[in-house]
C-alpha atoms as a PDB file:
ATOM      1  CA  MET A   1     -19.449  15.052 -28.197  1.00  0.00           C
ATOM      2  CA  THR A   2     -19.251  12.282 -26.007  1.00  0.00           C
ATOM      3  CA  VAL A   3     -18.062  11.498 -22.780  1.00  0.00           C
ATOM      4  CA  PRO A   4     -15.251   8.098 -23.045  1.00  0.00           C
ATOM      5  CA  GLY A   5     -16.663   5.548 -21.266  1.00  0.00           C
ATOM      6  CA  ARG A   6     -14.252   3.552 -19.219  1.00  0.00           C
ATOM      7  CA  VAL A   7     -12.790   1.016 -22.216  1.00  0.00           C
ATOM      8  CA  GLU A   8     -12.111   4.097 -24.623  1.00  0.00           C
ATOM      9  CA  ALA A   9     -10.481   6.635 -21.542  1.00  0.00           C
ATOM     10  CA  ALA A  10      -8.224   3.320 -21.337  1.00  0.00           C
ATOM     11  CA  THR A  11      -7.717   3.123 -25.021  1.00  0.00           C
ATOM     12  CA  LEU A  12      -6.465   6.937 -24.902  1.00  0.00           C
ATOM     13  CA  LEU A  13      -4.101   6.111 -21.981  1.00  0.00           C
ATOM     14  CA  LEU A  14      -2.573   3.167 -23.756  1.00  0.00           C
ATOM     15  CA  SER A  15      -2.307   5.294 -26.809  1.00  0.00           C
ATOM     16  CA  LEU A  16       0.669   7.372 -25.595  1.00  0.00           C
ATOM     17  CA  ASP A  17       2.322   4.170 -24.249  1.00  0.00           C
ATOM     18  CA  PRO A  18       2.617   5.082 -20.596  1.00  0.00           C
ATOM     19  CA  PRO A  19       5.354   3.593 -18.394  1.00  0.00           C
ATOM     20  CA  PRO A  20       3.892   1.508 -15.305  1.00  0.00           C
ATOM     21  CA  TRP A  21       4.666   3.602 -13.006  1.00  0.00           C
ATOM     22  CA  PHE A  22       2.075   6.292 -14.614  1.00  0.00           C
ATOM     23  CA  VAL A  23      -0.530   3.805 -15.083  1.00  0.00           C
ATOM     24  CA  ARG A  24      -0.461   2.856 -11.646  1.00  0.00           C
ATOM     25  CA  HIS A  25      -0.979   6.614 -10.901  1.00  0.00           C
ATOM     26  CA  ALA A  26      -3.321   7.150 -13.096  1.00  0.00           C
ATOM     27  CA  ARG A  27      -5.503   3.917 -11.658  1.00  0.00           C
ATOM     28  CA  ALA A  28      -5.054   5.044  -8.403  1.00  0.00           C
ATOM     29  CA  VAL A  29      -6.456   8.944  -9.111  1.00  0.00           C
ATOM     30  CA  ALA A  30      -9.257   6.786 -11.208  1.00  0.00           C
ATOM     31  CA  GLU A  31     -10.199   4.627  -8.778  1.00  0.00           C
ATOM     32  CA  VAL A  32     -10.533   7.100  -6.005  1.00  0.00           C
ATOM     33  CA  ALA A  33     -12.710   9.295  -8.077  1.00  0.00           C
ATOM     34  CA  GLY A  34     -14.586   6.755  -9.080  1.00  0.00           C
ATOM     35  CA  TRP A  35     -15.465   5.200  -5.683  1.00  0.00           C
ATOM     36  CA  LEU A  36     -16.205   9.230  -4.235  1.00  0.00           C
ATOM     37  CA  ALA A  37     -18.414   9.739  -7.400  1.00  0.00           C
ATOM     38  CA  LEU A  38     -20.407   6.330  -7.204  1.00  0.00           C
ATOM     39  CA  ARG A  39     -20.807   7.410  -2.860  1.00  0.00           C
ATOM     40  CA  ILE A  40     -22.302  10.632  -3.852  1.00  0.00           C
ATOM     41  CA  GLU A  41     -24.268   9.485  -6.821  1.00  0.00           C
ATOM     42  CA  ARG A  42     -26.110   6.596  -4.271  1.00  0.00           C
ATOM     43  CA  ARG A  43     -27.280   9.837  -2.178  1.00  0.00           C
ATOM     44  CA  GLU A  44     -28.869  11.133  -4.841  1.00  0.00           C
ATOM     45  CA  VAL A  45     -26.917  13.971  -5.672  1.00  0.00           C
ATOM     46  CA  ALA A  46     -26.220  15.111  -9.443  1.00  0.00           C
ATOM     47  CA  VAL A  47     -22.774  14.145 -10.551  1.00  0.00           C
ATOM     48  CA  ASP A  48     -21.443  12.511 -13.971  1.00  0.00           C
ATOM     49  CA  ARG A  49     -19.695   9.444 -12.718  1.00  0.00           C
ATOM     50  CA  ARG A  50     -18.435   9.004 -16.336  1.00  0.00           C
ATOM     51  CA  LEU A  51     -16.668  12.137 -16.702  1.00  0.00           C
ATOM     52  CA  VAL A  52     -15.272  11.698 -13.387  1.00  0.00           C
ATOM     53  CA  GLU A  53     -13.706   8.265 -14.243  1.00  0.00           C
ATOM     54  CA  ALA A  54     -12.517   9.086 -17.509  1.00  0.00           C
ATOM     55  CA  ALA A  55     -10.683  12.890 -16.540  1.00  0.00           C
ATOM     56  CA  ALA A  56      -9.355  10.916 -13.321  1.00  0.00           C
ATOM     57  CA  LEU A  57      -7.815   8.316 -15.197  1.00  0.00           C
ATOM     58  CA  LEU A  58      -6.289  10.675 -18.024  1.00  0.00           C
ATOM     59  CA  HIS A  59      -5.663  13.396 -15.510  1.00  0.00           C
ATOM     60  CA  ASP A  60      -2.044  13.872 -16.053  1.00  0.00           C
ATOM     61  CA  VAL A  61      -1.756  12.473 -19.938  1.00  0.00           C
ATOM     62  CA  ASP A  62       0.412  15.482 -20.421  1.00  0.00           C
ATOM     63  CA  LYS A  63       3.198  14.187 -18.724  1.00  0.00           C
ATOM     64  CA  ALA A  64       3.014  10.960 -21.234  1.00  0.00           C
ATOM     65  CA  LEU A  65       3.441  13.049 -24.481  1.00  0.00           C
ATOM     66  CA  PRO A  66       6.424  13.134 -26.482  1.00  0.00           C
ATOM     67  CA  ALA A  67       8.349  15.897 -25.913  1.00  0.00           C
ATOM     68  CA  ASP A  68       8.216  17.487 -29.089  1.00  0.00           C
ATOM     69  CA  ASP A  69       4.006  17.956 -28.723  1.00  0.00           C
ATOM     70  CA  PRO A  70       3.156  21.599 -28.383  1.00  0.00           C
ATOM     71  CA  ALA A  71       0.836  20.647 -25.738  1.00  0.00           C
ATOM     72  CA  ARG A  72       4.361  20.182 -23.603  1.00  0.00           C
ATOM     73  CA  ALA A  73       4.995  23.361 -23.825  1.00  0.00           C
ATOM     74  CA  LEU A  74       1.890  24.255 -21.225  1.00  0.00           C
ATOM     75  CA  PRO A  75       1.682  24.318 -17.613  1.00  0.00           C
ATOM     76  CA  HIS A  76       0.781  21.182 -15.959  1.00  0.00           C
ATOM     77  CA  GLY A  77      -2.928  20.025 -15.982  1.00  0.00           C
ATOM     78  CA  ASP A  78      -3.362  22.643 -19.344  1.00  0.00           C
ATOM     79  CA  GLY A  79      -1.128  20.412 -21.172  1.00  0.00           C
ATOM     80  CA  SER A  80      -3.242  17.549 -20.446  1.00  0.00           C
ATOM     81  CA  ALA A  81      -6.832  20.152 -21.263  1.00  0.00           C
ATOM     82  CA  ALA A  82      -5.124  20.884 -24.306  1.00  0.00           C
ATOM     83  CA  TRP A  83      -4.413  16.984 -25.501  1.00  0.00           C
ATOM     84  CA  LEU A  84      -7.848  15.913 -24.846  1.00  0.00           C
ATOM     85  CA  THR A  85      -9.378  18.801 -26.985  1.00  0.00           C
ATOM     86  CA  ARG A  86      -7.581  17.854 -30.152  1.00  0.00           C
ATOM     87  CA  ALA A  87      -8.224  14.275 -29.127  1.00  0.00           C
ATOM     88  CA  GLY A  88     -11.851  14.979 -30.044  1.00  0.00           C
ATOM     89  CA  HIS A  89     -12.601  14.998 -25.674  1.00  0.00           C
ATOM     90  CA  PRO A  90     -12.769  19.185 -24.576  1.00  0.00           C
ATOM     91  CA  GLU A  91     -15.689  18.319 -22.490  1.00  0.00           C
ATOM     92  CA  LEU A  92     -12.817  16.603 -20.107  1.00  0.00           C
ATOM     93  CA  ALA A  93     -10.503  19.240 -20.723  1.00  0.00           C
ATOM     94  CA  ARG A  94     -11.745  21.652 -17.219  1.00  0.00           C
ATOM     95  CA  ALA A  95     -11.429  18.739 -14.972  1.00  0.00           C
ATOM     96  CA  VAL A  96      -8.221  17.987 -16.249  1.00  0.00           C
ATOM     97  CA  ALA A  97      -7.076  21.322 -16.215  1.00  0.00           C
ATOM     98  CA  GLY A  98      -7.977  22.355 -12.297  1.00  0.00           C
ATOM     99  CA  HIS A  99      -6.218  19.394 -10.668  1.00  0.00           C
ATOM    100  CA  PRO A 100      -2.407  20.076 -10.169  1.00  0.00           C
ATOM    101  CA  VAL A 101      -1.349  20.888  -6.383  1.00  0.00           C
ATOM    102  CA  THR A 102       0.221  23.967  -7.811  1.00  0.00           C
ATOM    103  CA  ARG A 103      -3.451  25.386  -8.583  1.00  0.00           C
ATOM    104  CA  LEU A 104      -3.710  25.830  -4.971  1.00  0.00           C
ATOM    105  CA  THR A 105      -0.793  27.894  -4.408  1.00  0.00           C
ATOM    106  CA  ASP A 106      -2.118  30.968  -7.452  1.00  0.00           C
ATOM    107  CA  GLY A 107      -3.592  32.886  -4.699  1.00  0.00           C
ATOM    108  CA  ASP A 108      -6.281  34.493  -7.463  1.00  0.00           C
ATOM    109  CA  GLY A 109      -6.301  31.307  -9.535  1.00  0.00           C
ATOM    110  CA  TYR A 110      -7.644  29.407  -7.014  1.00  0.00           C
ATOM    111  CA  ARG A 111     -10.048  32.194  -5.505  1.00  0.00           C
ATOM    112  CA  ARG A 112     -11.402  31.602  -9.491  1.00  0.00           C
ATOM    113  CA  TRP A 113     -11.437  27.743  -9.335  1.00  0.00           C
ATOM    114  CA  ALA A 114     -12.695  27.568  -5.814  1.00  0.00           C
ATOM    115  CA  ALA A 115     -15.459  29.941  -6.527  1.00  0.00           C
ATOM    116  CA  PHE A 116     -16.921  28.061  -9.876  1.00  0.00           C
ATOM    117  CA  ALA A 117     -15.632  24.381  -9.852  1.00  0.00           C
ATOM    118  CA  SER A 118     -18.350  21.994 -10.889  1.00  0.00           C
ATOM    119  CA  ARG A 119     -18.657  19.342  -8.091  1.00  0.00           C
ATOM    120  CA  GLU A 120     -16.880  16.608 -10.708  1.00  0.00           C
ATOM    121  CA  GLU A 121     -13.654  19.384 -11.303  1.00  0.00           C
ATOM    122  CA  ARG A 122     -13.759  18.969  -7.502  1.00  0.00           C
ATOM    123  CA  ILE A 123     -13.661  15.197  -7.127  1.00  0.00           C
ATOM    124  CA  VAL A 124     -10.976  14.737  -9.622  1.00  0.00           C
ATOM    125  CA  ALA A 125      -8.960  17.573  -7.743  1.00  0.00           C
ATOM    126  CA  TYR A 126      -9.092  15.769  -4.986  1.00  0.00           C
ATOM    127  CA  ALA A 127      -8.637  12.340  -5.762  1.00  0.00           C
ATOM    128  CA  ASP A 128      -5.485  13.414  -7.080  1.00  0.00           C
ATOM    129  CA  LYS A 129      -4.579  14.669  -4.272  1.00  0.00           C
ATOM    130  CA  ARG A 130      -4.896  11.087  -2.017  1.00  0.00           C
ATOM    131  CA  ALA A 131      -3.458   9.118  -4.760  1.00  0.00           C
ATOM    132  CA  ARG A 132       0.414   8.116  -5.698  1.00  0.00           C
ATOM    133  CA  GLN A 133       0.663   4.734  -6.624  1.00  0.00           C
ATOM    134  CA  GLY A 134      -2.272   3.783  -4.447  1.00  0.00           C
ATOM    135  CA  LEU A 135      -4.515   5.245  -1.762  1.00  0.00           C
ATOM    136  CA  VAL A 136      -3.206   7.750   1.018  1.00  0.00           C
ATOM    137  CA  SER A 137      -3.453  10.434   3.407  1.00  0.00           C
ATOM    138  CA  MET A 138      -3.053  13.878   2.892  1.00  0.00           C
ATOM    139  CA  ASP A 139      -0.730  14.496   5.800  1.00  0.00           C
ATOM    140  CA  SER A 140       1.573  11.232   3.148  1.00  0.00           C
ATOM    141  CA  ARG A 141       0.740  12.904   0.216  1.00  0.00           C
ATOM    142  CA  PHE A 142       1.692  16.893   1.514  1.00  0.00           C
ATOM    143  CA  ALA A 143       5.087  15.423   3.040  1.00  0.00           C
ATOM    144  CA  THR A 144       6.027  13.609   0.132  1.00  0.00           C
ATOM    145  CA  TRP A 145       5.344  16.642  -2.049  1.00  0.00           C
ATOM    146  CA  ARG A 146       7.496  18.186   0.183  1.00  0.00           C
ATOM    147  CA  ARG A 147      10.302  16.159   0.486  1.00  0.00           C
ATOM    148  CA  ARG A 148      10.048  16.314  -3.597  1.00  0.00           C
ATOM    149  CA  HIS A 149      10.133  20.043  -4.204  1.00  0.00           C
ATOM    150  CA  PRO A 150      11.736  21.286  -1.123  1.00  0.00           C
ATOM    151  CA  THR A 151      12.041  25.184  -2.568  1.00  0.00           C
ATOM    152  CA  ASP A 152       9.162  25.222  -3.453  1.00  0.00           C
ATOM    153  CA  LEU A 153       7.241  26.980  -1.151  1.00  0.00           C
ATOM    154  CA  ASP A 154       8.305  28.047   2.420  1.00  0.00           C
ATOM    155  CA  ASP A 155       6.319  26.666   5.243  1.00  0.00           C
ATOM    156  CA  ALA A 156       4.200  29.392   5.370  1.00  0.00           C
ATOM    157  CA  GLY A 157       3.415  29.001   1.533  1.00  0.00           C
ATOM    158  CA  LEU A 158       3.117  25.265   2.200  1.00  0.00           C
ATOM    159  CA  SER A 159       0.212  26.340   5.328  1.00  0.00           C
ATOM    160  CA  VAL A 160      -1.906  28.113   2.752  1.00  0.00           C
ATOM    161  CA  ILE A 161      -2.451  25.632  -0.054  1.00  0.00           C
ATOM    162  CA  ARG A 162      -2.755  22.806   2.671  1.00  0.00           C
ATOM    163  CA  SER A 163      -5.731  24.533   4.287  1.00  0.00           C
ATOM    164  CA  ARG A 164      -6.867  25.082   0.782  1.00  0.00           C
ATOM    165  CA  ALA A 165      -6.691  20.998   0.067  1.00  0.00           C
ATOM    166  CA  ASP A 166      -7.975  20.400   3.695  1.00  0.00           C
ATOM    167  CA  ARG A 167     -10.980  22.506   2.222  1.00  0.00           C
ATOM    168  CA  LEU A 168     -11.360  20.406  -0.754  1.00  0.00           C
ATOM    169  CA  GLU A 169     -11.027  17.121   0.996  1.00  0.00           C
ATOM    170  CA  ALA A 170     -13.831  18.636   3.626  1.00  0.00           C
ATOM    171  CA  ASP A 171     -16.200  19.335   0.616  1.00  0.00           C
ATOM    172  CA  VAL A 172     -15.756  16.554  -1.276  1.00  0.00           C
ATOM    173  CA  CYS A 173     -16.221  13.854   1.643  1.00  0.00           C
ATOM    174  CA  ARG A 174     -19.226  15.843   2.961  1.00  0.00           C
ATOM    175  CA  ALA A 175     -20.665  15.254  -0.303  1.00  0.00           C
ATOM    176  CA  ALA A 176     -20.113  12.126  -0.296  1.00  0.00           C
ATOM    177  CA  GLY A 177     -21.034  11.251   3.322  1.00  0.00           C
ATOM    178  CA  VAL A 178     -17.553  10.145   4.620  1.00  0.00           C
ATOM    179  CA  ALA A 179     -14.842  11.023   6.562  1.00  0.00           C
ATOM    180  CA  PRO A 180     -11.559  11.101   5.267  1.00  0.00           C
ATOM    181  CA  GLY A 181     -10.183   7.905   6.975  1.00  0.00           C
ATOM    182  CA  ASP A 182     -13.174   6.345   4.969  1.00  0.00           C
ATOM    183  CA  VAL A 183     -11.692   6.861   1.500  1.00  0.00           C
ATOM    184  CA  ARG A 184     -11.608   3.839  -0.652  1.00  0.00           C
ATOM    185  CA  ARG A 185     -10.942   2.680  -4.589  1.00  0.00           C
ATOM    186  CA  LEU A 186     -13.798   1.089  -6.799  1.00  0.00           C
ATOM    187  CA  ALA A 187     -11.558  -1.492  -9.099  1.00  0.00           C
ATOM    188  CA  TRP A 188     -12.597  -0.649 -12.477  1.00  0.00           C
ATOM    189  CA  THR A 189      -9.397   0.539 -14.210  1.00  0.00           C
ATOM    190  CA  GLY A 190      -8.042  -3.140 -14.463  1.00  0.00           C
ATOM    191  CA  GLU A 191     -10.819  -4.503 -16.534  1.00  0.00           C
ATOM    192  CA  ALA A 192     -10.890  -1.419 -18.754  1.00  0.00           C
ATOM    193  CA  LEU A 193      -7.079  -1.863 -19.374  1.00  0.00           C
ATOM    194  CA  ARG A 194      -7.821  -5.388 -20.031  1.00  0.00           C
ATOM    195  CA  ALA A 195     -10.930  -4.957 -22.572  1.00  0.00           C
ATOM    196  CA  ALA A 196      -8.270  -1.826 -24.259  1.00  0.00           C
ATOM    197  CA  ARG A 197      -5.524  -4.058 -24.531  1.00  0.00           C
ATOM    198  CA  GLY A 198      -7.715  -6.435 -25.924  1.00  0.00           C
ATOM    199  CA  ALA A 199      -8.826  -4.216 -28.701  1.00  0.00           C
ATOM    200  CA  ARG A 200      -5.217  -3.437 -29.598  1.00  0.00           C
ATOM    201  CA  SER A 201      -3.956  -6.197 -30.483  1.00  0.00           C
END
């Protein structure tokens, strides 16, 4: 069981023939996560950068699965974990399962996750909060989430998950030695996707 490298992760992603908007989001999350992992690594803090990059690129694969795939019946994140496990990469399962913003709404589930999540899991979850089609602020991400899902939570519920997301942001940025406004993208996905497309043709 080996964590897939950049090209192998890109090949797995492309095997699902995802639409362009999906690939843009996957790239944004993977590049934010890769940048954070590199910053953390440079501070001589233990982090598996390869796992972070692969899990971040593949975090949403359950959204690209065919309708009849059994993983589609699972909650978002769990479906990605199930598909990746089936594809021979169970080492990525935890990092992708814990990323959805909805994990922040489940009080007991969130407390368990916060107590036991690895640094890699936290980076992937945070990178997803900072990326849409590109790098955005947490304010922008939550405003968009609120517009897209206006009936999911009242203001009090949204305040709770935002405070949990803010704690996640503080934890990951502290480990990376950066302020949230200084977070950037590490441009690695374009080359990996080009190599993966070349190998497929």
